Amino acid sequence: MTYVVIESCIKCKLMDCVEVCPVDCFYEGENMLVIHPDECIDCGVCEPECPVEAIVPDTEPDINKWLEINTEYADKWPNINRKGEPPADSDEWRDKPGKAEMFSEKPGKGS
């Protein structure tokens, strides 16, 4: 099992989860984070830290699309191991559904 970042993170990217990860398995995109499934040790400490509930176990139903996104972009985006500044408009996007089409393939800055 691994944990997966899902669409709730898009345009929120709050990064509270990054600081508690003992193995630094988060990677930063322009408008969301992903977890590298081969690096995640399934400890689960990141899941309750996410204020928008964007981190779920890979055993959740209909998770394959997001597991594939996490797997692919963890190999392309820079690693992040400390909390950065969220987007200025993250509060506006926090509870909005249907953000999948806003996913950006562009990398973030990393840390």
PDB file of N, CA and C in Angstrom:
ATOM      1  N   MET A   1       0.838  -1.186   0.000  1.00  0.00           N
ATOM      2  CA  MET A   1       0.000   0.000   0.000  1.00  0.00           C
ATOM      3  C   MET A   1       0.877   1.242   0.000  1.00  0.00           C
ATOM      4  N   THR A   2       0.335   2.287  -0.576  1.00  0.00           N
ATOM      5  CA  THR A   2       0.965   3.591  -0.555  1.00  0.00           C
ATOM      6  C   THR A   2      -0.138   4.631  -0.405  1.00  0.00           C
ATOM      7  N   TYR A   3       0.247   5.848  -0.154  1.00  0.00           N
ATOM      8  CA  TYR A   3      -0.716   6.940  -0.115  1.00  0.00           C
ATOM      9  C   TYR A   3      -0.621   7.705  -1.425  1.00  0.00           C
ATOM     10  N   VAL A   4      -1.746   8.334  -1.811  1.00  0.00           N
ATOM     11  CA  VAL A   4      -1.868   8.988  -3.099  1.00  0.00           C
ATOM     12  C   VAL A   4      -2.469  10.375  -2.899  1.00  0.00           C
ATOM     13  N   VAL A   5      -1.946  11.355  -3.615  1.00  0.00           N
ATOM     14  CA  VAL A   5      -2.536  12.695  -3.611  1.00  0.00           C
ATOM     15  C   VAL A   5      -3.569  12.740  -4.733  1.00  0.00           C
ATOM     16  N   ILE A   6      -4.751  13.228  -4.414  1.00  0.00           N
ATOM     17  CA  ILE A   6      -5.842  13.275  -5.390  1.00  0.00           C
ATOM     18  C   ILE A   6      -6.182  14.717  -5.760  1.00  0.00           C
ATOM     19  N   GLU A   7      -7.209  14.882  -6.589  1.00  0.00           N
ATOM     20  CA  GLU A   7      -7.518  16.181  -7.179  1.00  0.00           C
ATOM     21  C   GLU A   7      -7.838  17.289  -6.184  1.00  0.00           C
ATOM     22  N   SER A   8      -8.203  16.970  -4.964  1.00  0.00           N
ATOM     23  CA  SER A   8      -8.483  18.016  -3.969  1.00  0.00           C
ATOM     24  C   SER A   8      -7.289  18.930  -3.753  1.00  0.00           C
ATOM     25  N   CYS A   9      -6.092  18.437  -4.025  1.00  0.00           N
ATOM     26  CA  CYS A   9      -4.871  19.217  -3.837  1.00  0.00           C
ATOM     27  C   CYS A   9      -4.680  20.280  -4.925  1.00  0.00           C
ATOM     28  N   ILE A  10      -5.262  20.054  -6.084  1.00  0.00           N
ATOM     29  CA  ILE A  10      -5.050  20.963  -7.209  1.00  0.00           C
ATOM     30  C   ILE A  10      -5.491  22.373  -6.851  1.00  0.00           C
ATOM     31  N   LYS A  11      -4.590  23.305  -7.064  1.00  0.00           N
ATOM     32  CA  LYS A  11      -4.769  24.735  -6.826  1.00  0.00           C
ATOM     33  C   LYS A  11      -4.869  25.093  -5.340  1.00  0.00           C
ATOM     34  N   CYS A  12      -4.757  24.114  -4.442  1.00  0.00           N
ATOM     35  CA  CYS A  12      -4.691  24.387  -3.004  1.00  0.00           C
ATOM     36  C   CYS A  12      -3.239  24.288  -2.551  1.00  0.00           C
ATOM     37  N   LYS A  13      -2.657  23.098  -2.764  1.00  0.00           N
ATOM     38  CA  LYS A  13      -1.234  22.859  -2.513  1.00  0.00           C
ATOM     39  C   LYS A  13      -0.768  23.477  -1.189  1.00  0.00           C
ATOM     40  N   LEU A  14      -1.405  23.052  -0.098  1.00  0.00           N
ATOM     41  CA  LEU A  14      -1.131  23.653   1.206  1.00  0.00           C
ATOM     42  C   LEU A  14       0.159  23.166   1.859  1.00  0.00           C
ATOM     43  N   MET A  15       0.619  21.991   1.562  1.00  0.00           N
ATOM     44  CA  MET A  15       1.930  21.463   1.950  1.00  0.00           C
ATOM     45  C   MET A  15       2.125  21.157   3.430  1.00  0.00           C
ATOM     46  N   ASP A  16       1.071  21.104   4.207  1.00  0.00           N
ATOM     47  CA  ASP A  16       1.205  20.717   5.615  1.00  0.00           C
ATOM     48  C   ASP A  16       1.753  19.291   5.722  1.00  0.00           C
ATOM     49  N   CYS A  17       1.428  18.469   4.756  1.00  0.00           N
ATOM     50  CA  CYS A  17       1.829  17.064   4.727  1.00  0.00           C
ATOM     51  C   CYS A  17       3.337  16.879   4.579  1.00  0.00           C
ATOM     52  N   VAL A  18       3.980  17.788   3.901  1.00  0.00           N
ATOM     53  CA  VAL A  18       5.399  17.648   3.568  1.00  0.00           C
ATOM     54  C   VAL A  18       6.269  17.617   4.815  1.00  0.00           C
ATOM     55  N   GLU A  19       5.948  18.459   5.767  1.00  0.00           N
ATOM     56  CA  GLU A  19       6.788  18.581   6.961  1.00  0.00           C
ATOM     57  C   GLU A  19       6.772  17.350   7.851  1.00  0.00           C
ATOM     58  N   VAL A  20       5.722  16.550   7.805  1.00  0.00           N
ATOM     59  CA  VAL A  20       5.640  15.382   8.683  1.00  0.00           C
ATOM     60  C   VAL A  20       6.155  14.104   8.035  1.00  0.00           C
ATOM     61  N   CYS A  21       6.415  14.121   6.740  1.00  0.00           N
ATOM     62  CA  CYS A  21       6.848  12.912   6.035  1.00  0.00           C
ATOM     63  C   CYS A  21       8.273  12.523   6.453  1.00  0.00           C
ATOM     64  N   PRO A  22       8.438  11.325   7.026  1.00  0.00           N
ATOM     65  CA  PRO A  22       9.768  10.921   7.491  1.00  0.00           C
ATOM     66  C   PRO A  22      10.720  10.488   6.378  1.00  0.00           C
ATOM     67  N   VAL A  23      10.195  10.277   5.165  1.00  0.00           N
ATOM     68  CA  VAL A  23      11.047   9.800   4.079  1.00  0.00           C
ATOM     69  C   VAL A  23      11.109  10.750   2.879  1.00  0.00           C
ATOM     70  N   ASP A  24      10.550  11.944   3.020  1.00  0.00           N
ATOM     71  CA  ASP A  24      10.612  12.961   1.954  1.00  0.00           C
ATOM     72  C   ASP A  24      10.159  12.423   0.602  1.00  0.00           C
ATOM     73  N   CYS A  25       8.962  11.849   0.557  1.00  0.00           N
ATOM     74  CA  CYS A  25       8.479  11.247  -0.693  1.00  0.00           C
ATOM     75  C   CYS A  25       7.495  12.126  -1.459  1.00  0.00           C
ATOM     76  N   PHE A  26       7.448  13.426  -1.129  1.00  0.00           N
ATOM     77  CA  PHE A  26       6.570  14.353  -1.857  1.00  0.00           C
ATOM     78  C   PHE A  26       7.334  15.054  -2.965  1.00  0.00           C
ATOM     79  N   TYR A  27       6.625  15.262  -4.070  1.00  0.00           N
ATOM     80  CA  TYR A  27       7.197  15.941  -5.239  1.00  0.00           C
ATOM     81  C   TYR A  27       6.244  17.046  -5.646  1.00  0.00           C
ATOM     82  N   GLU A  28       6.822  18.165  -6.084  1.00  0.00           N
ATOM     83  CA  GLU A  28       6.031  19.376  -6.299  1.00  0.00           C
ATOM     84  C   GLU A  28       5.807  19.705  -7.764  1.00  0.00           C
ATOM     85  N   GLY A  29       4.530  19.834  -8.090  1.00  0.00           N
ATOM     86  CA  GLY A  29       4.137  20.333  -9.394  1.00  0.00           C
ATOM     87  C   GLY A  29       3.736  21.791  -9.278  1.00  0.00           C
ATOM     88  N   GLU A  30       3.436  22.383 -10.391  1.00  0.00           N
ATOM     89  CA  GLU A  30       3.036  23.790 -10.406  1.00  0.00           C
ATOM     90  C   GLU A  30       1.821  24.051  -9.515  1.00  0.00           C
ATOM     91  N   ASN A  31       0.819  23.145  -9.556  1.00  0.00           N
ATOM     92  CA  ASN A  31      -0.379  23.427  -8.768  1.00  0.00           C
ATOM     93  C   ASN A  31      -0.852  22.273  -7.878  1.00  0.00           C
ATOM     94  N   MET A  32      -0.006  21.273  -7.664  1.00  0.00           N
ATOM     95  CA  MET A  32      -0.327  20.212  -6.705  1.00  0.00           C
ATOM     96  C   MET A  32       0.937  19.446  -6.332  1.00  0.00           C
ATOM     97  N   LEU A  33       0.813  18.574  -5.359  1.00  0.00           N
ATOM     98  CA  LEU A  33       1.897  17.691  -4.947  1.00  0.00           C
ATOM     99  C   LEU A  33       1.529  16.264  -5.322  1.00  0.00           C
ATOM    100  N   VAL A  34       2.527  15.401  -5.399  1.00  0.00           N
ATOM    101  CA  VAL A  34       2.311  13.964  -5.562  1.00  0.00           C
ATOM    102  C   VAL A  34       3.224  13.223  -4.596  1.00  0.00           C
ATOM    103  N   ILE A  35       2.883  11.973  -4.352  1.00  0.00           N
ATOM    104  CA  ILE A  35       3.677  11.093  -3.500  1.00  0.00           C
ATOM    105  C   ILE A  35       4.306  10.026  -4.388  1.00  0.00           C
ATOM    106  N   HIS A  36       5.594   9.791  -4.192  1.00  0.00           N
ATOM    107  CA  HIS A  36       6.265   8.730  -4.949  1.00  0.00           C
ATOM    108  C   HIS A  36       5.887   7.396  -4.303  1.00  0.00           C
ATOM    109  N   PRO A  37       5.150   6.537  -5.024  1.00  0.00           N
ATOM    110  CA  PRO A  37       4.667   5.296  -4.408  1.00  0.00           C
ATOM    111  C   PRO A  37       5.765   4.309  -4.014  1.00  0.00           C
ATOM    112  N   ASP A  38       6.914   4.387  -4.658  1.00  0.00           N
ATOM    113  CA  ASP A  38       8.003   3.476  -4.295  1.00  0.00           C
ATOM    114  C   ASP A  38       8.798   3.973  -3.095  1.00  0.00           C
ATOM    115  N   GLU A  39       8.617   5.220  -2.725  1.00  0.00           N
ATOM    116  CA  GLU A  39       9.328   5.790  -1.580  1.00  0.00           C
ATOM    117  C   GLU A  39       8.461   5.870  -0.333  1.00  0.00           C
ATOM    118  N   CYS A  40       7.152   5.923  -0.510  1.00  0.00           N
ATOM    119  CA  CYS A  40       6.217   6.007   0.606  1.00  0.00           C
ATOM    120  C   CYS A  40       6.317   4.734   1.442  1.00  0.00           C
ATOM    121  N   ILE A  41       6.431   4.904   2.760  1.00  0.00           N
ATOM    122  CA  ILE A  41       6.536   3.747   3.651  1.00  0.00           C
ATOM    123  C   ILE A  41       5.203   3.419   4.322  1.00  0.00           C
ATOM    124  N   ASP A  42       4.150   4.015   3.852  1.00  0.00           N
ATOM    125  CA  ASP A  42       2.800   3.724   4.321  1.00  0.00           C
ATOM    126  C   ASP A  42       2.595   4.028   5.804  1.00  0.00           C
ATOM    127  N   CYS A  43       3.293   5.001   6.318  1.00  0.00           N
ATOM    128  CA  CYS A  43       3.162   5.320   7.739  1.00  0.00           C
ATOM    129  C   CYS A  43       1.858   6.061   8.038  1.00  0.00           C
ATOM    130  N   GLY A  44       1.355   6.798   7.047  1.00  0.00           N
ATOM    131  CA  GLY A  44       0.072   7.470   7.198  1.00  0.00           C
ATOM    132  C   GLY A  44       0.088   8.792   7.947  1.00  0.00           C
ATOM    133  N   VAL A  45       1.244   9.288   8.340  1.00  0.00           N
ATOM    134  CA  VAL A  45       1.258  10.537   9.111  1.00  0.00           C
ATOM    135  C   VAL A  45       0.839  11.749   8.275  1.00  0.00           C
ATOM    136  N   CYS A  46       0.970  11.660   6.968  1.00  0.00           N
ATOM    137  CA  CYS A  46       0.611  12.784   6.103  1.00  0.00           C
ATOM    138  C   CYS A  46      -0.897  12.943   5.942  1.00  0.00           C
ATOM    139  N   GLU A  47      -1.621  11.846   5.961  1.00  0.00           N
ATOM    140  CA  GLU A  47      -3.060  11.877   5.666  1.00  0.00           C
ATOM    141  C   GLU A  47      -3.842  12.831   6.577  1.00  0.00           C
ATOM    142  N   PRO A  48      -3.705  12.748   7.903  1.00  0.00           N
ATOM    143  CA  PRO A  48      -4.477  13.668   8.750  1.00  0.00           C
ATOM    144  C   PRO A  48      -3.976  15.114   8.710  1.00  0.00           C
ATOM    145  N   GLU A  49      -2.784  15.339   8.199  1.00  0.00           N
ATOM    146  CA  GLU A  49      -2.237  16.700   8.124  1.00  0.00           C
ATOM    147  C   GLU A  49      -2.829  17.514   6.977  1.00  0.00           C
ATOM    148  N   CYS A  50      -3.434  16.857   6.007  1.00  0.00           N
ATOM    149  CA  CYS A  50      -3.965  17.545   4.835  1.00  0.00           C
ATOM    150  C   CYS A  50      -5.326  18.157   5.160  1.00  0.00           C
ATOM    151  N   PRO A  51      -5.427  19.489   5.177  1.00  0.00           N
ATOM    152  CA  PRO A  51      -6.689  20.142   5.528  1.00  0.00           C
ATOM    153  C   PRO A  51      -7.789  19.965   4.483  1.00  0.00           C
ATOM    154  N   VAL A  52      -7.431  19.561   3.273  1.00  0.00           N
ATOM    155  CA  VAL A  52      -8.452  19.391   2.228  1.00  0.00           C
ATOM    156  C   VAL A  52      -8.703  17.903   1.912  1.00  0.00           C
ATOM    157  N   GLU A  53      -8.155  17.018   2.747  1.00  0.00           N
ATOM    158  CA  GLU A  53      -8.334  15.574   2.598  1.00  0.00           C
ATOM    159  C   GLU A  53      -7.951  15.077   1.203  1.00  0.00           C
ATOM    160  N   ALA A  54      -6.814  15.558   0.722  1.00  0.00           N
ATOM    161  CA  ALA A  54      -6.333  15.210  -0.612  1.00  0.00           C
ATOM    162  C   ALA A  54      -5.387  14.016  -0.611  1.00  0.00           C
ATOM    163  N   ILE A  55      -5.147  13.410   0.544  1.00  0.00           N
ATOM    164  CA  ILE A  55      -4.259  12.254   0.625  1.00  0.00           C
ATOM    165  C   ILE A  55      -5.071  11.063   1.101  1.00  0.00           C
ATOM    166  N   VAL A  56      -5.047  10.013   0.275  1.00  0.00           N
ATOM    167  CA  VAL A  56      -5.833   8.811   0.589  1.00  0.00           C
ATOM    168  C   VAL A  56      -4.980   7.574   0.331  1.00  0.00           C
ATOM    169  N   PRO A  57      -5.317   6.451   0.973  1.00  0.00           N
ATOM    170  CA  PRO A  57      -4.595   5.212   0.683  1.00  0.00           C
ATOM    171  C   PRO A  57      -4.945   4.711  -0.718  1.00  0.00           C
ATOM    172  N   ASP A  58      -4.031   3.985  -1.325  1.00  0.00           N
ATOM    173  CA  ASP A  58      -4.273   3.476  -2.680  1.00  0.00           C
ATOM    174  C   ASP A  58      -5.287   2.344  -2.718  1.00  0.00           C
ATOM    175  N   THR A  59      -5.868   2.020  -1.584  1.00  0.00           N
ATOM    176  CA  THR A  59      -6.911   0.993  -1.528  1.00  0.00           C
ATOM    177  C   THR A  59      -8.305   1.590  -1.714  1.00  0.00           C
ATOM    178  N   GLU A  60      -8.388   2.900  -1.817  1.00  0.00           N
ATOM    179  CA  GLU A  60      -9.682   3.553  -2.042  1.00  0.00           C
ATOM    180  C   GLU A  60     -10.219   3.176  -3.421  1.00  0.00           C
ATOM    181  N   PRO A  61     -11.544   3.121  -3.577  1.00  0.00           N
ATOM    182  CA  PRO A  61     -12.097   2.806  -4.895  1.00  0.00           C
ATOM    183  C   PRO A  61     -11.803   3.908  -5.916  1.00  0.00           C
ATOM    184  N   ASP A  62     -11.677   3.530  -7.160  1.00  0.00           N
ATOM    185  CA  ASP A  62     -11.471   4.469  -8.279  1.00  0.00           C
ATOM    186  C   ASP A  62     -10.245   5.355  -8.100  1.00  0.00           C
ATOM    187  N   ILE A  63      -9.184   4.808  -7.553  1.00  0.00           N
ATOM    188  CA  ILE A  63      -7.970   5.580  -7.288  1.00  0.00           C
ATOM    189  C   ILE A  63      -6.909   5.416  -8.377  1.00  0.00           C
ATOM    190  N   ASN A  64      -7.099   4.503  -9.297  1.00  0.00           N
ATOM    191  CA  ASN A  64      -6.060   4.179 -10.283  1.00  0.00           C
ATOM    192  C   ASN A  64      -5.570   5.379 -11.073  1.00  0.00           C
ATOM    193  N   LYS A  65      -6.467   6.260 -11.509  1.00  0.00           N
ATOM    194  CA  LYS A  65      -6.057   7.440 -12.277  1.00  0.00           C
ATOM    195  C   LYS A  65      -5.064   8.276 -11.469  1.00  0.00           C
ATOM    196  N   TRP A  66      -5.353   8.491 -10.191  1.00  0.00           N
ATOM    197  CA  TRP A  66      -4.485   9.335  -9.358  1.00  0.00           C
ATOM    198  C   TRP A  66      -3.207   8.614  -8.965  1.00  0.00           C
ATOM    199  N   LEU A  67      -3.271   7.299  -8.818  1.00  0.00           N
ATOM    200  CA  LEU A  67      -2.058   6.527  -8.556  1.00  0.00           C
ATOM    201  C   LEU A  67      -1.110   6.639  -9.751  1.00  0.00           C
ATOM    202  N   GLU A  68      -1.642   6.575 -10.957  1.00  0.00           N
ATOM    203  CA  GLU A  68      -0.822   6.726 -12.162  1.00  0.00           C
ATOM    204  C   GLU A  68      -0.215   8.123 -12.249  1.00  0.00           C
ATOM    205  N   ILE A  69      -0.991   9.141 -11.916  1.00  0.00           N
ATOM    206  CA  ILE A  69      -0.476  10.518 -11.937  1.00  0.00           C
ATOM    207  C   ILE A  69       0.634  10.675 -10.904  1.00  0.00           C
ATOM    208  N   ASN A  70       0.418  10.171  -9.685  1.00  0.00           N
ATOM    209  CA  ASN A  70       1.448  10.256  -8.650  1.00  0.00           C
ATOM    210  C   ASN A  70       2.717   9.543  -9.093  1.00  0.00           C
ATOM    211  N   THR A  71       2.572   8.363  -9.660  1.00  0.00           N
ATOM    212  CA  THR A  71       3.724   7.578 -10.102  1.00  0.00           C
ATOM    213  C   THR A  71       4.499   8.301 -11.203  1.00  0.00           C
ATOM    214  N   GLU A  72       3.792   8.769 -12.215  1.00  0.00           N
ATOM    215  CA  GLU A  72       4.441   9.430 -13.352  1.00  0.00           C
ATOM    216  C   GLU A  72       5.138  10.726 -12.963  1.00  0.00           C
ATOM    217  N   TYR A  73       4.446  11.583 -12.213  1.00  0.00           N
ATOM    218  CA  TYR A  73       5.006  12.909 -11.952  1.00  0.00           C
ATOM    219  C   TYR A  73       6.005  12.931 -10.799  1.00  0.00           C
ATOM    220  N   ALA A  74       5.993  11.927  -9.942  1.00  0.00           N
ATOM    221  CA  ALA A  74       7.034  11.841  -8.912  1.00  0.00           C
ATOM    222  C   ALA A  74       8.398  11.631  -9.563  1.00  0.00           C
ATOM    223  N   ASP A  75       8.412  11.042 -10.757  1.00  0.00           N
ATOM    224  CA  ASP A  75       9.676  10.853 -11.481  1.00  0.00           C
ATOM    225  C   ASP A  75      10.068  12.079 -12.305  1.00  0.00           C
ATOM    226  N   LYS A  76       9.158  13.027 -12.465  1.00  0.00           N
ATOM    227  CA  LYS A  76       9.426  14.198 -13.313  1.00  0.00           C
ATOM    228  C   LYS A  76       9.581  15.497 -12.521  1.00  0.00           C
ATOM    229  N   TRP A  77       8.919  15.588 -11.390  1.00  0.00           N
ATOM    230  CA  TRP A  77       8.902  16.831 -10.620  1.00  0.00           C
ATOM    231  C   TRP A  77       9.985  16.817  -9.538  1.00  0.00           C
ATOM    232  N   PRO A  78      10.371  18.007  -9.058  1.00  0.00           N
ATOM    233  CA  PRO A  78      11.385  18.074  -7.999  1.00  0.00           C
ATOM    234  C   PRO A  78      10.847  17.646  -6.636  1.00  0.00           C
ATOM    235  N   ASN A  79      11.724  17.067  -5.851  1.00  0.00           N
ATOM    236  CA  ASN A  79      11.395  16.660  -4.495  1.00  0.00           C
ATOM    237  C   ASN A  79      11.177  17.902  -3.639  1.00  0.00           C
ATOM    238  N   ILE A  80      10.277  17.773  -2.685  1.00  0.00           N
ATOM    239  CA  ILE A  80      10.034  18.856  -1.729  1.00  0.00           C
ATOM    240  C   ILE A  80      10.067  18.242  -0.336  1.00  0.00           C
ATOM    241  N   ASN A  81      10.830  18.854   0.570  1.00  0.00           N
ATOM    242  CA  ASN A  81      10.943  18.281   1.904  1.00  0.00           C
ATOM    243  C   ASN A  81      10.679  19.290   3.018  1.00  0.00           C
ATOM    244  N   ARG A  82      10.169  20.453   2.641  1.00  0.00           N
ATOM    245  CA  ARG A  82       9.727  21.410   3.653  1.00  0.00           C
ATOM    246  C   ARG A  82       8.555  22.212   3.099  1.00  0.00           C
ATOM    247  N   LYS A  83       7.748  22.683   3.999  1.00  0.00           N
ATOM    248  CA  LYS A  83       6.547  23.414   3.630  1.00  0.00           C
ATOM    249  C   LYS A  83       6.904  24.732   2.959  1.00  0.00           C
ATOM    250  N   GLY A  84       6.284  24.982   1.832  1.00  0.00           N
ATOM    251  CA  GLY A  84       6.465  26.239   1.132  1.00  0.00           C
ATOM    252  C   GLY A  84       5.203  27.073   1.235  1.00  0.00           C
ATOM    253  N   GLU A  85       5.170  28.145   0.496  1.00  0.00           N
ATOM    254  CA  GLU A  85       4.000  29.011   0.485  1.00  0.00           C
ATOM    255  C   GLU A  85       2.953  28.443  -0.475  1.00  0.00           C
ATOM    256  N   PRO A  86       1.715  28.315  -0.017  1.00  0.00           N
ATOM    257  CA  PRO A  86       0.662  27.857  -0.927  1.00  0.00           C
ATOM    258  C   PRO A  86       0.327  28.963  -1.928  1.00  0.00           C
ATOM    259  N   PRO A  87      -0.365  28.628  -2.985  1.00  0.00           N
ATOM    260  CA  PRO A  87      -0.781  29.665  -3.930  1.00  0.00           C
ATOM    261  C   PRO A  87      -1.609  30.739  -3.220  1.00  0.00           C
ATOM    262  N   ALA A  88      -1.499  31.966  -3.677  1.00  0.00           N
ATOM    263  CA  ALA A  88      -2.203  33.087  -3.049  1.00  0.00           C
ATOM    264  C   ALA A  88      -3.720  32.892  -3.030  1.00  0.00           C
ATOM    265  N   ASP A  89      -4.243  32.191  -4.021  1.00  0.00           N
ATOM    266  CA  ASP A  89      -5.695  31.993  -4.104  1.00  0.00           C
ATOM    267  C   ASP A  89      -6.133  30.603  -3.632  1.00  0.00           C
ATOM    268  N   SER A  90      -5.312  29.930  -2.854  1.00  0.00           N
ATOM    269  CA  SER A  90      -5.637  28.554  -2.444  1.00  0.00           C
ATOM    270  C   SER A  90      -6.942  28.471  -1.657  1.00  0.00           C
ATOM    271  N   ASP A  91      -7.251  29.456  -0.843  1.00  0.00           N
ATOM    272  CA  ASP A  91      -8.496  29.417  -0.069  1.00  0.00           C
ATOM    273  C   ASP A  91      -9.717  29.420  -0.982  1.00  0.00           C
ATOM    274  N   GLU A  92      -9.626  30.098  -2.106  1.00  0.00           N
ATOM    275  CA  GLU A  92     -10.744  30.156  -3.055  1.00  0.00           C
ATOM    276  C   GLU A  92     -11.018  28.787  -3.675  1.00  0.00           C
ATOM    277  N   TRP A  93      -9.994  27.953  -3.806  1.00  0.00           N
ATOM    278  CA  TRP A  93     -10.116  26.653  -4.468  1.00  0.00           C
ATOM    279  C   TRP A  93     -10.312  25.498  -3.500  1.00  0.00           C
ATOM    280  N   ARG A  94     -10.179  25.758  -2.235  1.00  0.00           N
ATOM    281  CA  ARG A  94     -10.136  24.724  -1.207  1.00  0.00           C
ATOM    282  C   ARG A  94     -11.240  23.674  -1.310  1.00  0.00           C
ATOM    283  N   ASP A  95     -12.474  24.064  -1.423  1.00  0.00           N
ATOM    284  CA  ASP A  95     -13.583  23.109  -1.389  1.00  0.00           C
ATOM    285  C   ASP A  95     -14.280  22.926  -2.735  1.00  0.00           C
ATOM    286  N   LYS A  96     -13.656  23.397  -3.794  1.00  0.00           N
ATOM    287  CA  LYS A  96     -14.288  23.271  -5.111  1.00  0.00           C
ATOM    288  C   LYS A  96     -14.052  21.882  -5.689  1.00  0.00           C
ATOM    289  N   PRO A  97     -15.122  21.245  -6.154  1.00  0.00           N
ATOM    290  CA  PRO A  97     -14.977  19.930  -6.790  1.00  0.00           C
ATOM    291  C   PRO A  97     -14.616  20.084  -8.266  1.00  0.00           C
ATOM    292  N   GLY A  98     -14.282  18.981  -8.901  1.00  0.00           N
ATOM    293  CA  GLY A  98     -14.056  18.974 -10.341  1.00  0.00           C
ATOM    294  C   GLY A  98     -12.846  19.753 -10.804  1.00  0.00           C
ATOM    295  N   LYS A  99     -11.746  19.644 -10.072  1.00  0.00           N
ATOM    296  CA  LYS A  99     -10.542  20.396 -10.435  1.00  0.00           C
ATOM    297  C   LYS A  99      -9.580  19.604 -11.315  1.00  0.00           C
ATOM    298  N   ALA A 100      -9.916  18.373 -11.640  1.00  0.00           N
ATOM    299  CA  ALA A 100      -8.998  17.502 -12.395  1.00  0.00           C
ATOM    300  C   ALA A 100      -8.544  18.125 -13.704  1.00  0.00           C
ATOM    301  N   GLU A 101      -9.435  18.834 -14.397  1.00  0.00           N
ATOM    302  CA  GLU A 101      -9.062  19.428 -15.681  1.00  0.00           C
ATOM    303  C   GLU A 101      -8.082  20.592 -15.526  1.00  0.00           C
ATOM    304  N   MET A 102      -7.877  21.052 -14.300  1.00  0.00           N
ATOM    305  CA  MET A 102      -6.932  22.139 -14.045  1.00  0.00           C
ATOM    306  C   MET A 102      -5.533  21.626 -13.701  1.00  0.00           C
ATOM    307  N   PHE A 103      -5.362  20.314 -13.661  1.00  0.00           N
ATOM    308  CA  PHE A 103      -4.070  19.725 -13.363  1.00  0.00           C
ATOM    309  C   PHE A 103      -3.010  20.233 -14.332  1.00  0.00           C
ATOM    310  N   SER A 104      -1.888  20.677 -13.797  1.00  0.00           N
ATOM    311  CA  SER A 104      -0.777  21.159 -14.609  1.00  0.00           C
ATOM    312  C   SER A 104       0.363  20.149 -14.576  1.00  0.00           C
ATOM    313  N   GLU A 105       0.895  19.847 -15.722  1.00  0.00           N
ATOM    314  CA  GLU A 105       2.047  18.932 -15.819  1.00  0.00           C
ATOM    315  C   GLU A 105       3.358  19.637 -15.515  1.00  0.00           C
ATOM    316  N   LYS A 106       3.346  20.941 -15.371  1.00  0.00           N
ATOM    317  CA  LYS A 106       4.568  21.707 -15.130  1.00  0.00           C
ATOM    318  C   LYS A 106       5.108  21.426 -13.729  1.00  0.00           C
ATOM    319  N   PRO A 107       6.416  21.381 -13.588  1.00  0.00           N
ATOM    320  CA  PRO A 107       7.015  21.159 -12.274  1.00  0.00           C
ATOM    321  C   PRO A 107       6.913  22.394 -11.386  1.00  0.00           C
ATOM    322  N   GLY A 108       7.024  22.153 -10.084  1.00  0.00           N
ATOM    323  CA  GLY A 108       7.107  23.236  -9.129  1.00  0.00           C
ATOM    324  C   GLY A 108       8.567  23.603  -8.911  1.00  0.00           C
ATOM    325  N   LYS A 109       8.829  24.352  -7.853  1.00  0.00           N
ATOM    326  CA  LYS A 109      10.193  24.826  -7.572  1.00  0.00           C
ATOM    327  C   LYS A 109      11.020  23.809  -6.797  1.00  0.00           C
ATOM    328  N   GLY A 110      10.362  22.931  -6.027  1.00  0.00           N
ATOM    329  CA  GLY A 110      11.111  22.005  -5.175  1.00  0.00           C
ATOM    330  C   GLY A 110      11.677  22.721  -3.975  1.00  0.00           C
ATOM    331  N   SER A 111      12.405  21.980  -3.127  1.00  0.00           N
ATOM    332  CA  SER A 111      13.002  22.633  -1.963  1.00  0.00           C
ATOM    333  C   SER A 111      14.407  22.143  -1.724  1.00  0.00           C
TER     334      SER A 111
END
